[in-house]
C-alpha cells in the first residue's frame, strides 16, 4: 500500500462520502421504480424527466417540515440518537477497497480511505454500534410503540450479528486475514474445477456462508421481511414514530446508506469486489464491476421487500437460533477440516 499525505486521504474520504450520499438519494428512486415495475405501476414520473429529481424534492420537503419534539421526551438523547445511526453508517465505508493504488496527476492515490488489518471486524463492530441510535431514540421518545420497536431491534441485532460474524469465519480461515484488501486479492487466485479455471470468488468456495450472510445482512439493516422494529401494521413505524423533519431523515439516510455499505461489503467478500474482465488493465473498469455487483445486491433488497410478507417476531428469532446458527457452525467446522486436510495436517 502506497503512503499518501493525510490531506489526500481526506479528499478521497470526502469524495467517497459525497458519492455515497448521492447514491443513497438515488437508491430511493431505484427502489420506487423497481417496486413500481413489479407491481405494474409507473413510480415517480412528475418531478424532472422520468422523475429523476424526485429524491431532491423529497430532501427539500423533509428539510422544510416542522421539527416536533414530544413534551415528555428526553430532548438531549432525542436529538443525538438519529445522528448515531447516520454517522456509524457513513464511517463503515472507510475500509471498503474501491481498488488499489493509482496514478492521478503524478501522485499515488489509494482508492480507499484506510486499510485496517481487521477491516471486516471494523464493519461488523460499527454496524452493531448503530443500533444504539435506534434504542436510544426509541427510549427518548417516551412512546410505548417506539420503545417496543427499540427492544425488538436490540433482540434482532444480538441474534443476527452473531450469524453475520460466524458466516464470515470460513472466509477468514481460507484467507488467513481480516483485511478487506487481503480478502479481495485472495479472490484473484485461480480456482480449479477439473479442466476449468475460475477466479476464486468466495461465493464458489463458501456458498453456504454466502446464503447465511445474505439473510443476516437483510435482518441487520432492518429491511423487509425482517423490518420488525418499524413494523407499520403493528407499531405505527416503531422506533421513529415520534421523529419528523430532518431528524427523521437521519434515520432514513442511515438505513439506505447501511444497505449500500452492506452491498459493497458483500461484493468485496463474495464476488471479488473490483475483479472482472479488464479490471486489471483499467482501474475505472474495476470500479464499474464493483458498482454492478453492488446494484445486484441492492436489487435483491428491493425484490425481497416487494415479494415476501413480514415475519412474526417469534419466527424471526426462531430462524436465527434454530436454523441459521447451527448452519453457520457447521460451515466453520467443514471449512476448518478442509483447510487442515489441504495443509496436510490430517491423515
C-alpha atoms as a PDB file:
ATOM      1  CA  UNK A   1       0.000   0.000   0.000  1.00  0.00           C
ATOM      2  CA  UNK A   2       1.456   3.368  -1.016  1.00  0.00           C
ATOM      3  CA  UNK A   3       1.785   6.006   1.683  1.00  0.00           C
ATOM      4  CA  UNK A   4      -0.086   9.204   0.926  1.00  0.00           C
ATOM      5  CA  UNK A   5      -0.388  12.580   2.682  1.00  0.00           C
ATOM      6  CA  UNK A   6      -3.210  12.989   5.189  1.00  0.00           C
ATOM      7  CA  UNK A   7      -4.757  15.799   3.116  1.00  0.00           C
ATOM      8  CA  UNK A   8      -5.063  13.444   0.147  1.00  0.00           C
ATOM      9  CA  UNK A   9      -6.752  10.830   2.355  1.00  0.00           C
ATOM     10  CA  UNK A  10      -9.248  13.496   3.470  1.00  0.00           C
ATOM     11  CA  UNK A  11     -10.013  14.354  -0.179  1.00  0.00           C
ATOM     12  CA  UNK A  12     -10.585  10.656  -1.010  1.00  0.00           C
ATOM     13  CA  UNK A  13     -12.822  10.296   2.092  1.00  0.00           C
ATOM     14  CA  UNK A  14     -14.767  13.458   1.149  1.00  0.00           C
ATOM     15  CA  UNK A  15     -15.364  12.206  -2.417  1.00  0.00           C
ATOM     16  CA  UNK A  16     -16.445   8.754  -1.212  1.00  0.00           C
ATOM     17  CA  UNK A  17     -18.800  10.281   1.390  1.00  0.00           C
ATOM     18  CA  UNK A  18     -20.491  12.543  -1.167  1.00  0.00           C
ATOM     19  CA  UNK A  19     -20.806   9.768  -3.745  1.00  0.00           C
ATOM     20  CA  UNK A  20     -22.373   7.619  -1.015  1.00  0.00           C
ATOM     21  CA  UNK A  21     -24.901  10.346  -0.113  1.00  0.00           C
ATOM     22  CA  UNK A  22     -25.879  10.852  -3.763  1.00  0.00           C
ATOM     23  CA  UNK A  23     -26.069   7.071  -4.183  1.00  0.00           C
ATOM     24  CA  UNK A  24     -28.330   6.869  -1.134  1.00  0.00           C
ATOM     25  CA  UNK A  25     -30.679   9.528  -2.587  1.00  0.00           C
ATOM     26  CA  UNK A  26     -30.958   7.691  -5.893  1.00  0.00           C
ATOM     27  CA  UNK A  27     -31.291   4.354  -4.144  1.00  0.00           C
ATOM     28  CA  UNK A  28     -34.738   5.583  -3.031  1.00  0.00           C
ATOM     29  CA  UNK A  29     -35.551   6.397  -6.674  1.00  0.00           C
ATOM     30  CA  UNK A  30     -34.251   2.982  -7.796  1.00  0.00           C
ATOM     31  CA  UNK A  31     -36.326   1.239  -5.126  1.00  0.00           C
ATOM     32  CA  UNK A  32     -39.519   3.052  -6.039  1.00  0.00           C
ATOM     33  CA  UNK A  33     -39.054   2.396  -9.757  1.00  0.00           C
ATOM     34  CA  UNK A  34     -38.262  -1.313  -9.287  1.00  0.00           C
ATOM     35  CA  UNK A  35     -41.213  -1.788  -6.902  1.00  0.00           C
ATOM     36  CA  UNK A  36     -43.478   0.044  -9.345  1.00  0.00           C
ATOM     37  CA  UNK A  37     -42.378  -2.216 -12.206  1.00  0.00           C
ATOM     38  CA  UNK A  38     -43.017  -5.328 -10.082  1.00  0.00           C
ATOM     39  CA  UNK A  39     -46.462  -4.054  -9.079  1.00  0.00           C
ATOM     40  CA  UNK A  40     -47.428  -2.872 -12.586  1.00  0.00           C
ATOM     41  CA  UNK A  41     -47.255   0.841 -11.672  1.00  0.00           C
ATOM     42  CA  UNK A  42     -45.285   3.822 -13.021  1.00  0.00           C
ATOM     43  CA  UNK A  43     -43.413   5.053  -9.937  1.00  0.00           C
ATOM     44  CA  UNK A  44     -42.099   8.673  -9.792  1.00  0.00           C
ATOM     45  CA  UNK A  45     -42.734  10.417 -13.129  1.00  0.00           C
ATOM     46  CA  UNK A  46     -43.623  14.050 -12.421  1.00  0.00           C
ATOM     47  CA  UNK A  47     -40.523  15.618 -10.832  1.00  0.00           C
ATOM     48  CA  UNK A  48     -37.976  16.115 -13.601  1.00  0.00           C
ATOM     49  CA  UNK A  49     -37.509  13.858 -16.655  1.00  0.00           C
ATOM     50  CA  UNK A  50     -38.802  10.391 -15.749  1.00  0.00           C
ATOM     51  CA  UNK A  51     -38.977  11.522 -12.097  1.00  0.00           C
ATOM     52  CA  UNK A  52     -35.183  11.797 -11.751  1.00  0.00           C
ATOM     53  CA  UNK A  53     -35.439  14.882  -9.494  1.00  0.00           C
ATOM     54  CA  UNK A  54     -37.772  13.145  -7.034  1.00  0.00           C
ATOM     55  CA  UNK A  55     -35.003  12.386  -4.434  1.00  0.00           C
ATOM     56  CA  UNK A  56     -34.003  16.088  -4.414  1.00  0.00           C
ATOM     57  CA  UNK A  57     -37.638  17.140  -3.986  1.00  0.00           C
ATOM     58  CA  UNK A  58     -38.039  14.649  -1.101  1.00  0.00           C
ATOM     59  CA  UNK A  59     -34.914  16.041   0.607  1.00  0.00           C
ATOM     60  CA  UNK A  60     -36.138  19.650   0.319  1.00  0.00           C
ATOM     61  CA  UNK A  61     -39.559  18.601   1.625  1.00  0.00           C
ATOM     62  CA  UNK A  62     -38.030  16.912   4.712  1.00  0.00           C
ATOM     63  CA  UNK A  63     -35.835  19.941   5.469  1.00  0.00           C
ATOM     64  CA  UNK A  64     -38.858  22.238   5.204  1.00  0.00           C
ATOM     65  CA  UNK A  65     -41.094  20.284   7.572  1.00  0.00           C
ATOM     66  CA  UNK A  66     -41.721  21.341  11.176  1.00  0.00           C
ATOM     67  CA  UNK A  67     -39.457  19.639  13.709  1.00  0.00           C
ATOM     68  CA  UNK A  68     -41.673  18.284  16.509  1.00  0.00           C
ATOM     69  CA  UNK A  69     -40.359  17.062  19.875  1.00  0.00           C
ATOM     70  CA  UNK A  70     -42.760  15.302  22.304  1.00  0.00           C
ATOM     71  CA  UNK A  71     -43.198  17.132  25.603  1.00  0.00           C
ATOM     72  CA  UNK A  72     -42.218  14.060  27.656  1.00  0.00           C
ATOM     73  CA  UNK A  73     -39.160  13.226  25.527  1.00  0.00           C
ATOM     74  CA  UNK A  74     -35.590  13.290  26.793  1.00  0.00           C
ATOM     75  CA  UNK A  75     -34.609  16.149  24.499  1.00  0.00           C
ATOM     76  CA  UNK A  76     -30.817  15.696  24.529  1.00  0.00           C
ATOM     77  CA  UNK A  77     -30.960  11.963  23.750  1.00  0.00           C
ATOM     78  CA  UNK A  78     -33.839  12.529  21.313  1.00  0.00           C
ATOM     79  CA  UNK A  79     -31.635  14.995  19.406  1.00  0.00           C
ATOM     80  CA  UNK A  80     -28.451  12.885  19.235  1.00  0.00           C
ATOM     81  CA  UNK A  81     -29.891   9.373  18.653  1.00  0.00           C
ATOM     82  CA  UNK A  82     -30.529   9.765  14.879  1.00  0.00           C
ATOM     83  CA  UNK A  83     -27.001  11.175  14.440  1.00  0.00           C
ATOM     84  CA  UNK A  84     -25.522   7.943  15.843  1.00  0.00           C
ATOM     85  CA  UNK A  85     -27.305   5.914  13.146  1.00  0.00           C
ATOM     86  CA  UNK A  86     -26.242   8.314  10.395  1.00  0.00           C
ATOM     87  CA  UNK A  87     -22.578   8.676  11.440  1.00  0.00           C
ATOM     88  CA  UNK A  88     -21.965   4.954  12.042  1.00  0.00           C
ATOM     89  CA  UNK A  89     -23.458   4.176   8.615  1.00  0.00           C
ATOM     90  CA  UNK A  90     -21.079   6.662   6.933  1.00  0.00           C
ATOM     91  CA  UNK A  91     -17.960   5.579   8.856  1.00  0.00           C
ATOM     92  CA  UNK A  92     -18.363   1.934   7.788  1.00  0.00           C
ATOM     93  CA  UNK A  93     -17.401   2.711   4.191  1.00  0.00           C
ATOM     94  CA  UNK A  94     -13.886   3.822   5.243  1.00  0.00           C
ATOM     95  CA  UNK A  95     -12.425   0.300   4.944  1.00  0.00           C
ATOM     96  CA  UNK A  96     -14.113  -0.730   1.666  1.00  0.00           C
ATOM     97  CA  UNK A  97     -11.422  -1.110  -1.061  1.00  0.00           C
ATOM     98  CA  UNK A  98     -12.582   0.522  -4.303  1.00  0.00           C
ATOM     99  CA  UNK A  99      -9.351  -0.607  -5.937  1.00  0.00           C
ATOM    100  CA  UNK A 100      -5.601  -0.480  -5.296  1.00  0.00           C
ATOM    101  CA  UNK A 101      -3.242   2.464  -5.798  1.00  0.00           C
ATOM    102  CA  UNK A 102      -3.463   4.536  -8.997  1.00  0.00           C
ATOM    103  CA  UNK A 103      -1.525   7.426 -10.511  1.00  0.00           C
ATOM    104  CA  UNK A 104      -3.513  10.681 -10.728  1.00  0.00           C
ATOM    105  CA  UNK A 105      -1.647  13.865 -11.794  1.00  0.00           C
ATOM    106  CA  UNK A 106       1.655  12.171 -10.996  1.00  0.00           C
ATOM    107  CA  UNK A 107       0.615  11.220  -7.426  1.00  0.00           C
ATOM    108  CA  UNK A 108      -0.070   7.780  -5.974  1.00  0.00           C
ATOM    109  CA  UNK A 109      -3.685   7.775  -4.766  1.00  0.00           C
ATOM    110  CA  UNK A 110      -5.229   4.937  -2.714  1.00  0.00           C
ATOM    111  CA  UNK A 111      -8.779   4.102  -3.823  1.00  0.00           C
ATOM    112  CA  UNK A 112      -9.806   3.526  -0.201  1.00  0.00           C
ATOM    113  CA  UNK A 113      -9.717   5.614   2.963  1.00  0.00           C
ATOM    114  CA  UNK A 114      -7.758   3.138   5.083  1.00  0.00           C
ATOM    115  CA  UNK A 115      -6.674  -0.498   5.029  1.00  0.00           C
ATOM    116  CA  UNK A 116      -7.220  -1.845   8.541  1.00  0.00           C
ATOM    117  CA  UNK A 117      -5.839  -5.309   9.258  1.00  0.00           C
ATOM    118  CA  UNK A 118      -9.203  -6.018  10.924  1.00  0.00           C
ATOM    119  CA  UNK A 119     -11.354  -4.226   8.318  1.00  0.00           C
ATOM    120  CA  UNK A 120     -14.103  -6.873   8.245  1.00  0.00           C
ATOM    121  CA  UNK A 121     -14.345  -6.803  12.045  1.00  0.00           C
ATOM    122  CA  UNK A 122     -14.473  -2.989  11.945  1.00  0.00           C
ATOM    123  CA  UNK A 123     -17.565  -3.023   9.691  1.00  0.00           C
ATOM    124  CA  UNK A 124     -19.292  -5.596  11.912  1.00  0.00           C
ATOM    125  CA  UNK A 125     -18.479  -3.571  15.056  1.00  0.00           C
ATOM    126  CA  UNK A 126     -19.592  -0.211  13.634  1.00  0.00           C
ATOM    127  CA  UNK A 127     -22.747  -1.814  12.228  1.00  0.00           C
ATOM    128  CA  UNK A 128     -23.705  -3.177  15.643  1.00  0.00           C
ATOM    129  CA  UNK A 129     -22.940   0.203  17.266  1.00  0.00           C
ATOM    130  CA  UNK A 130     -25.541   1.829  15.010  1.00  0.00           C
ATOM    131  CA  UNK A 131     -28.336   0.001  16.840  1.00  0.00           C
ATOM    132  CA  UNK A 132     -27.639   2.228  19.885  1.00  0.00           C
ATOM    133  CA  UNK A 133     -29.089   5.114  17.890  1.00  0.00           C
ATOM    134  CA  UNK A 134     -32.285   3.127  17.368  1.00  0.00           C
ATOM    135  CA  UNK A 135     -32.563   2.016  21.021  1.00  0.00           C
ATOM    136  CA  UNK A 136     -31.796   5.472  22.437  1.00  0.00           C
ATOM    137  CA  UNK A 137     -34.194   7.191  20.014  1.00  0.00           C
ATOM    138  CA  UNK A 138     -36.938   4.708  20.927  1.00  0.00           C
ATOM    139  CA  UNK A 139     -36.412   5.211  24.660  1.00  0.00           C
ATOM    140  CA  UNK A 140     -36.069   9.017  24.452  1.00  0.00           C
ATOM    141  CA  UNK A 141     -39.363   9.334  22.516  1.00  0.00           C
ATOM    142  CA  UNK A 142     -41.433   8.426  25.606  1.00  0.00           C
ATOM    143  CA  UNK A 143     -43.720   6.393  23.364  1.00  0.00           C
ATOM    144  CA  UNK A 144     -44.669   2.757  24.029  1.00  0.00           C
ATOM    145  CA  UNK A 145     -44.724   1.850  20.337  1.00  0.00           C
ATOM    146  CA  UNK A 146     -41.258   3.338  19.879  1.00  0.00           C
ATOM    147  CA  UNK A 147     -39.924   1.515  22.942  1.00  0.00           C
ATOM    148  CA  UNK A 148     -41.257  -1.810  21.661  1.00  0.00           C
ATOM    149  CA  UNK A 149     -39.574  -1.153  18.310  1.00  0.00           C
ATOM    150  CA  UNK A 150     -36.279  -0.389  20.088  1.00  0.00           C
ATOM    151  CA  UNK A 151     -36.468  -3.581  22.154  1.00  0.00           C
ATOM    152  CA  UNK A 152     -37.188  -5.603  19.017  1.00  0.00           C
ATOM    153  CA  UNK A 153     -34.201  -4.005  17.314  1.00  0.00           C
ATOM    154  CA  UNK A 154     -31.922  -4.872  20.250  1.00  0.00           C
ATOM    155  CA  UNK A 155     -33.028  -8.523  20.216  1.00  0.00           C
ATOM    156  CA  UNK A 156     -32.747  -8.699  16.425  1.00  0.00           C
ATOM    157  CA  UNK A 157     -29.244  -7.233  16.251  1.00  0.00           C
ATOM    158  CA  UNK A 158     -27.953  -9.531  19.021  1.00  0.00           C
ATOM    159  CA  UNK A 159     -29.315 -12.583  17.194  1.00  0.00           C
ATOM    160  CA  UNK A 160     -28.313 -11.751  13.635  1.00  0.00           C
ATOM    161  CA  UNK A 161     -24.968 -10.079  14.431  1.00  0.00           C
ATOM    162  CA  UNK A 162     -23.802 -13.489  15.660  1.00  0.00           C
ATOM    163  CA  UNK A 163     -24.894 -15.138  12.397  1.00  0.00           C
ATOM    164  CA  UNK A 164     -23.281 -12.354  10.356  1.00  0.00           C
ATOM    165  CA  UNK A 165     -19.942 -12.747  12.149  1.00  0.00           C
ATOM    166  CA  UNK A 166     -19.923 -16.550  12.122  1.00  0.00           C
ATOM    167  CA  UNK A 167     -20.814 -16.703   8.416  1.00  0.00           C
ATOM    168  CA  UNK A 168     -17.528 -14.917   7.646  1.00  0.00           C
ATOM    169  CA  UNK A 169     -15.272 -17.141   9.765  1.00  0.00           C
ATOM    170  CA  UNK A 170     -14.898 -19.590   6.851  1.00  0.00           C
ATOM    171  CA  UNK A 171     -13.530 -16.767   4.650  1.00  0.00           C
ATOM    172  CA  UNK A 172     -11.114 -15.706   7.402  1.00  0.00           C
ATOM    173  CA  UNK A 173      -9.894 -19.305   7.717  1.00  0.00           C
ATOM    174  CA  UNK A 174      -9.271 -19.569   3.964  1.00  0.00           C
ATOM    175  CA  UNK A 175      -7.660 -16.131   3.575  1.00  0.00           C
ATOM    176  CA  UNK A 176      -5.812 -16.010   6.901  1.00  0.00           C
ATOM    177  CA  UNK A 177      -6.632 -12.303   7.230  1.00  0.00           C
ATOM    178  CA  UNK A 178      -9.407  -9.910   8.263  1.00  0.00           C
ATOM    179  CA  UNK A 179      -8.188  -7.148   5.931  1.00  0.00           C
ATOM    180  CA  UNK A 180     -10.663  -6.492   3.125  1.00  0.00           C
ATOM    181  CA  UNK A 181      -7.792  -5.759   0.704  1.00  0.00           C
ATOM    182  CA  UNK A 182      -6.191  -9.135   1.505  1.00  0.00           C
ATOM    183  CA  UNK A 183      -9.566 -10.862   1.024  1.00  0.00           C
ATOM    184  CA  UNK A 184     -10.016  -9.021  -2.278  1.00  0.00           C
ATOM    185  CA  UNK A 185      -6.541 -10.025  -3.519  1.00  0.00           C
ATOM    186  CA  UNK A 186      -7.019 -13.657  -2.390  1.00  0.00           C
ATOM    187  CA  UNK A 187     -10.071 -13.939  -4.650  1.00  0.00           C
ATOM    188  CA  UNK A 188      -7.936 -13.180  -7.707  1.00  0.00           C
ATOM    189  CA  UNK A 189      -6.163 -16.526  -7.303  1.00  0.00           C
ATOM    190  CA  UNK A 190      -7.383 -19.269  -9.700  1.00  0.00           C
ATOM    191  CA  UNK A 191      -9.801 -21.954  -8.522  1.00  0.00           C
ATOM    192  CA  UNK A 192      -9.511 -25.243 -10.405  1.00  0.00           C
ATOM    193  CA  UNK A 193     -12.641 -27.223 -11.355  1.00  0.00           C
ATOM    194  CA  UNK A 194     -11.110 -30.070 -13.398  1.00  0.00           C
ATOM    195  CA  UNK A 195     -10.201 -28.508 -16.766  1.00  0.00           C
ATOM    196  CA  UNK A 196     -11.970 -25.265 -15.765  1.00  0.00           C
ATOM    197  CA  UNK A 197     -10.095 -22.402 -14.059  1.00  0.00           C
ATOM    198  CA  UNK A 198     -12.098 -19.568 -12.437  1.00  0.00           C
ATOM    199  CA  UNK A 199     -11.316 -16.685 -10.118  1.00  0.00           C
ATOM    200  CA  UNK A 200     -11.632 -17.877  -6.532  1.00  0.00           C
ATOM    201  CA  UNK A 201     -14.658 -15.754  -5.646  1.00  0.00           C
ATOM    202  CA  UNK A 202     -15.818 -16.975  -2.257  1.00  0.00           C
ATOM    203  CA  UNK A 203     -19.389 -17.425  -3.463  1.00  0.00           C
ATOM    204  CA  UNK A 204     -17.970 -20.559  -5.166  1.00  0.00           C
ATOM    205  CA  UNK A 205     -15.929 -21.963  -2.257  1.00  0.00           C
ATOM    206  CA  UNK A 206     -18.261 -20.668   0.533  1.00  0.00           C
ATOM    207  CA  UNK A 207     -21.817 -20.915  -0.886  1.00  0.00           C
ATOM    208  CA  UNK A 208     -23.431 -21.708   2.487  1.00  0.00           C
ATOM    209  CA  UNK A 209     -21.636 -18.745   4.092  1.00  0.00           C
ATOM    210  CA  UNK A 210     -22.921 -16.513   1.260  1.00  0.00           C
ATOM    211  CA  UNK A 211     -26.562 -17.526   1.864  1.00  0.00           C
ATOM    212  CA  UNK A 212     -26.192 -17.078   5.650  1.00  0.00           C
ATOM    213  CA  UNK A 213     -24.527 -13.686   5.194  1.00  0.00           C
ATOM    214  CA  UNK A 214     -27.249 -12.536   2.804  1.00  0.00           C
ATOM    215  CA  UNK A 215     -30.081 -13.422   5.216  1.00  0.00           C
ATOM    216  CA  UNK A 216     -28.303 -11.952   8.258  1.00  0.00           C
ATOM    217  CA  UNK A 217     -27.388  -8.762   6.372  1.00  0.00           C
ATOM    218  CA  UNK A 218     -31.027  -8.102   5.443  1.00  0.00           C
ATOM    219  CA  UNK A 219     -32.003  -8.600   9.095  1.00  0.00           C
ATOM    220  CA  UNK A 220     -29.140  -6.361  10.306  1.00  0.00           C
ATOM    221  CA  UNK A 221     -30.307  -3.478   8.141  1.00  0.00           C
ATOM    222  CA  UNK A 222     -33.938  -3.846   9.355  1.00  0.00           C
ATOM    223  CA  UNK A 223     -35.260  -4.393   5.856  1.00  0.00           C
ATOM    224  CA  UNK A 224     -38.323  -6.395   4.845  1.00  0.00           C
ATOM    225  CA  UNK A 225     -39.149  -9.165   5.597  1.00  0.00           C
ATOM    226  CA  UNK A 226     -37.109  -8.519   8.781  1.00  0.00           C
ATOM    227  CA  UNK A 227     -38.339  -4.952   9.417  1.00  0.00           C
ATOM    228  CA  UNK A 228     -39.935  -5.824  12.775  1.00  0.00           C
ATOM    229  CA  UNK A 229     -38.504  -2.792  14.679  1.00  0.00           C
ATOM    230  CA  UNK A 230     -40.553  -0.423  12.492  1.00  0.00           C
ATOM    231  CA  UNK A 231     -43.469  -2.685  11.526  1.00  0.00           C
ATOM    232  CA  UNK A 232     -46.072  -0.117  10.429  1.00  0.00           C
ATOM    233  CA  UNK A 233     -49.017  -2.509  10.771  1.00  0.00           C
ATOM    234  CA  UNK A 234     -48.119  -3.325  14.394  1.00  0.00           C
ATOM    235  CA  UNK A 235     -46.066  -0.449  15.855  1.00  0.00           C
ATOM    236  CA  UNK A 236     -47.033   2.626  13.801  1.00  0.00           C
ATOM    237  CA  UNK A 237     -43.446   2.883  12.436  1.00  0.00           C
ATOM    238  CA  UNK A 238     -41.882   1.719  15.688  1.00  0.00           C
ATOM    239  CA  UNK A 239     -38.699   3.399  16.908  1.00  0.00           C
ATOM    240  CA  UNK A 240     -39.048   6.542  14.734  1.00  0.00           C
ATOM    241  CA  UNK A 241     -42.783   7.123  15.328  1.00  0.00           C
ATOM    242  CA  UNK A 242     -42.152  10.460  17.087  1.00  0.00           C
ATOM    243  CA  UNK A 243     -39.482  11.719  14.692  1.00  0.00           C
ATOM    244  CA  UNK A 244     -40.175  14.251  11.963  1.00  0.00           C
ATOM    245  CA  UNK A 245     -38.389  16.584   9.538  1.00  0.00           C
ATOM    246  CA  UNK A 246     -34.589  16.422   9.395  1.00  0.00           C
ATOM    247  CA  UNK A 247     -34.273  14.182  12.487  1.00  0.00           C
ATOM    248  CA  UNK A 248     -36.355  11.513  10.745  1.00  0.00           C
ATOM    249  CA  UNK A 249     -34.235  11.996   7.629  1.00  0.00           C
ATOM    250  CA  UNK A 250     -31.123  10.886   9.570  1.00  0.00           C
ATOM    251  CA  UNK A 251     -32.769   7.518  10.305  1.00  0.00           C
ATOM    252  CA  UNK A 252     -33.864   7.366   6.671  1.00  0.00           C
ATOM    253  CA  UNK A 253     -30.340   8.210   5.432  1.00  0.00           C
ATOM    254  CA  UNK A 254     -28.751   5.734   7.850  1.00  0.00           C
ATOM    255  CA  UNK A 255     -30.925   2.833   6.679  1.00  0.00           C
ATOM    256  CA  UNK A 256     -30.232   3.351   2.985  1.00  0.00           C
ATOM    257  CA  UNK A 257     -26.514   4.049   3.464  1.00  0.00           C
ATOM    258  CA  UNK A 258     -26.294   0.830   5.506  1.00  0.00           C
ATOM    259  CA  UNK A 259     -27.875  -1.045   2.587  1.00  0.00           C
ATOM    260  CA  UNK A 260     -25.259   0.339   0.192  1.00  0.00           C
ATOM    261  CA  UNK A 261     -22.350  -0.369   2.585  1.00  0.00           C
ATOM    262  CA  UNK A 262     -23.551  -3.947   3.218  1.00  0.00           C
ATOM    263  CA  UNK A 263     -23.889  -4.472  -0.555  1.00  0.00           C
ATOM    264  CA  UNK A 264     -20.335  -3.154  -1.083  1.00  0.00           C
ATOM    265  CA  UNK A 265     -19.150  -5.398   1.776  1.00  0.00           C
ATOM    266  CA  UNK A 266     -20.861  -8.479   0.300  1.00  0.00           C
ATOM    267  CA  UNK A 267     -19.500  -7.701  -3.182  1.00  0.00           C
ATOM    268  CA  UNK A 268     -15.961  -7.468  -1.770  1.00  0.00           C
ATOM    269  CA  UNK A 269     -16.245 -10.618   0.359  1.00  0.00           C
ATOM    270  CA  UNK A 270     -18.038 -12.977  -2.014  1.00  0.00           C
ATOM    271  CA  UNK A 271     -17.965 -11.596  -5.581  1.00  0.00           C
ATOM    272  CA  UNK A 272     -14.366 -10.457  -5.919  1.00  0.00           C
ATOM    273  CA  UNK A 273     -15.100  -6.743  -5.419  1.00  0.00           C
ATOM    274  CA  UNK A 274     -13.430  -4.857  -8.268  1.00  0.00           C
ATOM    275  CA  UNK A 275     -12.386  -8.087 -10.048  1.00  0.00           C
ATOM    276  CA  UNK A 276     -13.786  -8.699 -13.521  1.00  0.00           C
ATOM    277  CA  UNK A 277     -12.780  -8.868 -17.188  1.00  0.00           C
ATOM    278  CA  UNK A 278     -10.448  -5.944 -17.985  1.00  0.00           C
ATOM    279  CA  UNK A 279     -10.250  -4.678 -14.390  1.00  0.00           C
ATOM    280  CA  UNK A 280      -6.505  -5.334 -14.113  1.00  0.00           C
ATOM    281  CA  UNK A 281      -5.771  -3.187 -17.164  1.00  0.00           C
ATOM    282  CA  UNK A 282      -8.166  -0.315 -16.335  1.00  0.00           C
ATOM    283  CA  UNK A 283      -8.899   0.638 -12.713  1.00  0.00           C
ATOM    284  CA  UNK A 284     -12.046   2.512 -13.811  1.00  0.00           C
ATOM    285  CA  UNK A 285     -13.429  -0.758 -15.156  1.00  0.00           C
ATOM    286  CA  UNK A 286     -12.831  -2.324 -11.725  1.00  0.00           C
ATOM    287  CA  UNK A 287     -14.984   0.401 -10.155  1.00  0.00           C
ATOM    288  CA  UNK A 288     -17.729  -0.327 -12.697  1.00  0.00           C
ATOM    289  CA  UNK A 289     -17.610  -4.047 -11.837  1.00  0.00           C
ATOM    290  CA  UNK A 290     -17.924  -3.210  -8.128  1.00  0.00           C
ATOM    291  CA  UNK A 291     -20.853  -0.879  -8.874  1.00  0.00           C
ATOM    292  CA  UNK A 292     -22.615  -3.570 -10.933  1.00  0.00           C
ATOM    293  CA  UNK A 293     -22.236  -6.187  -8.175  1.00  0.00           C
ATOM    294  CA  UNK A 294     -23.472  -3.679  -5.578  1.00  0.00           C
ATOM    295  CA  UNK A 295     -26.551  -2.828  -7.682  1.00  0.00           C
ATOM    296  CA  UNK A 296     -27.337  -6.568  -7.938  1.00  0.00           C
ATOM    297  CA  UNK A 297     -27.380  -6.831  -4.136  1.00  0.00           C
ATOM    298  CA  UNK A 298     -29.499  -3.681  -3.842  1.00  0.00           C
ATOM    299  CA  UNK A 299     -31.947  -5.103  -6.379  1.00  0.00           C
ATOM    300  CA  UNK A 300     -32.138  -8.216  -4.179  1.00  0.00           C
ATOM    301  CA  UNK A 301     -33.136  -5.993  -1.203  1.00  0.00           C
ATOM    302  CA  UNK A 302     -35.960  -4.421  -3.215  1.00  0.00           C
ATOM    303  CA  UNK A 303     -37.049  -7.775  -4.629  1.00  0.00           C
ATOM    304  CA  UNK A 304     -37.396  -9.208  -1.118  1.00  0.00           C
ATOM    305  CA  UNK A 305     -39.407  -6.202   0.066  1.00  0.00           C
ATOM    306  CA  UNK A 306     -41.799  -6.493  -2.874  1.00  0.00           C
ATOM    307  CA  UNK A 307     -42.183 -10.259  -2.703  1.00  0.00           C
ATOM    308  CA  UNK A 308     -42.193 -11.532   0.884  1.00  0.00           C
ATOM    309  CA  UNK A 309     -44.557 -10.778   3.775  1.00  0.00           C
ATOM    310  CA  UNK A 310     -43.125  -9.694   7.130  1.00  0.00           C
ATOM    311  CA  UNK A 311     -42.163 -12.450   9.582  1.00  0.00           C
ATOM    312  CA  UNK A 312     -43.716 -12.713  13.025  1.00  0.00           C
ATOM    313  CA  UNK A 313     -41.228 -11.864  15.761  1.00  0.00           C
ATOM    314  CA  UNK A 314     -41.118 -15.431  17.133  1.00  0.00           C
ATOM    315  CA  UNK A 315     -40.390 -16.676  13.590  1.00  0.00           C
ATOM    316  CA  UNK A 316     -37.629 -14.091  13.249  1.00  0.00           C
ATOM    317  CA  UNK A 317     -35.868 -15.265  16.419  1.00  0.00           C
ATOM    318  CA  UNK A 318     -36.526 -18.953  15.673  1.00  0.00           C
ATOM    319  CA  UNK A 319     -34.871 -18.722  12.246  1.00  0.00           C
ATOM    320  CA  UNK A 320     -31.760 -17.148  13.790  1.00  0.00           C
ATOM    321  CA  UNK A 321     -31.212 -19.543  16.688  1.00  0.00           C
ATOM    322  CA  UNK A 322     -32.708 -22.810  15.407  1.00  0.00           C
ATOM    323  CA  UNK A 323     -31.710 -22.734  11.720  1.00  0.00           C
ATOM    324  CA  UNK A 324     -29.007 -20.193  10.850  1.00  0.00           C
ATOM    325  CA  UNK A 325     -26.755 -20.601  13.907  1.00  0.00           C
ATOM    326  CA  UNK A 326     -26.339 -24.418  13.531  1.00  0.00           C
ATOM    327  CA  UNK A 327     -25.680 -23.973   9.790  1.00  0.00           C
ATOM    328  CA  UNK A 328     -23.058 -21.269  10.462  1.00  0.00           C
ATOM    329  CA  UNK A 329     -21.257 -23.515  12.987  1.00  0.00           C
ATOM    330  CA  UNK A 330     -21.431 -26.454  10.548  1.00  0.00           C
ATOM    331  CA  UNK A 331     -19.875 -24.296   7.814  1.00  0.00           C
ATOM    332  CA  UNK A 332     -16.984 -23.349  10.143  1.00  0.00           C
ATOM    333  CA  UNK A 333     -16.302 -26.988  11.077  1.00  0.00           C
ATOM    334  CA  UNK A 334     -16.353 -28.173   7.427  1.00  0.00           C
ATOM    335  CA  UNK A 335     -14.139 -25.271   6.261  1.00  0.00           C
ATOM    336  CA  UNK A 336     -11.640 -25.828   9.091  1.00  0.00           C
ATOM    337  CA  UNK A 337     -11.464 -29.560   8.314  1.00  0.00           C
ATOM    338  CA  UNK A 338     -10.887 -28.930   4.580  1.00  0.00           C
ATOM    339  CA  UNK A 339      -8.200 -26.356   5.437  1.00  0.00           C
ATOM    340  CA  UNK A 340      -6.425 -28.868   7.698  1.00  0.00           C
ATOM    341  CA  UNK A 341      -6.585 -31.584   5.004  1.00  0.00           C
ATOM    342  CA  UNK A 342      -5.219 -29.207   2.347  1.00  0.00           C
ATOM    343  CA  UNK A 343      -2.343 -28.268   4.696  1.00  0.00           C
ATOM    344  CA  UNK A 344      -1.527 -31.961   5.211  1.00  0.00           C
ATOM    345  CA  UNK A 345      -2.248 -31.803   8.953  1.00  0.00           C
ATOM    346  CA  UNK A 346      -4.868 -34.586   8.893  1.00  0.00           C
ATOM    347  CA  UNK A 347      -4.146 -38.207   7.997  1.00  0.00           C
END
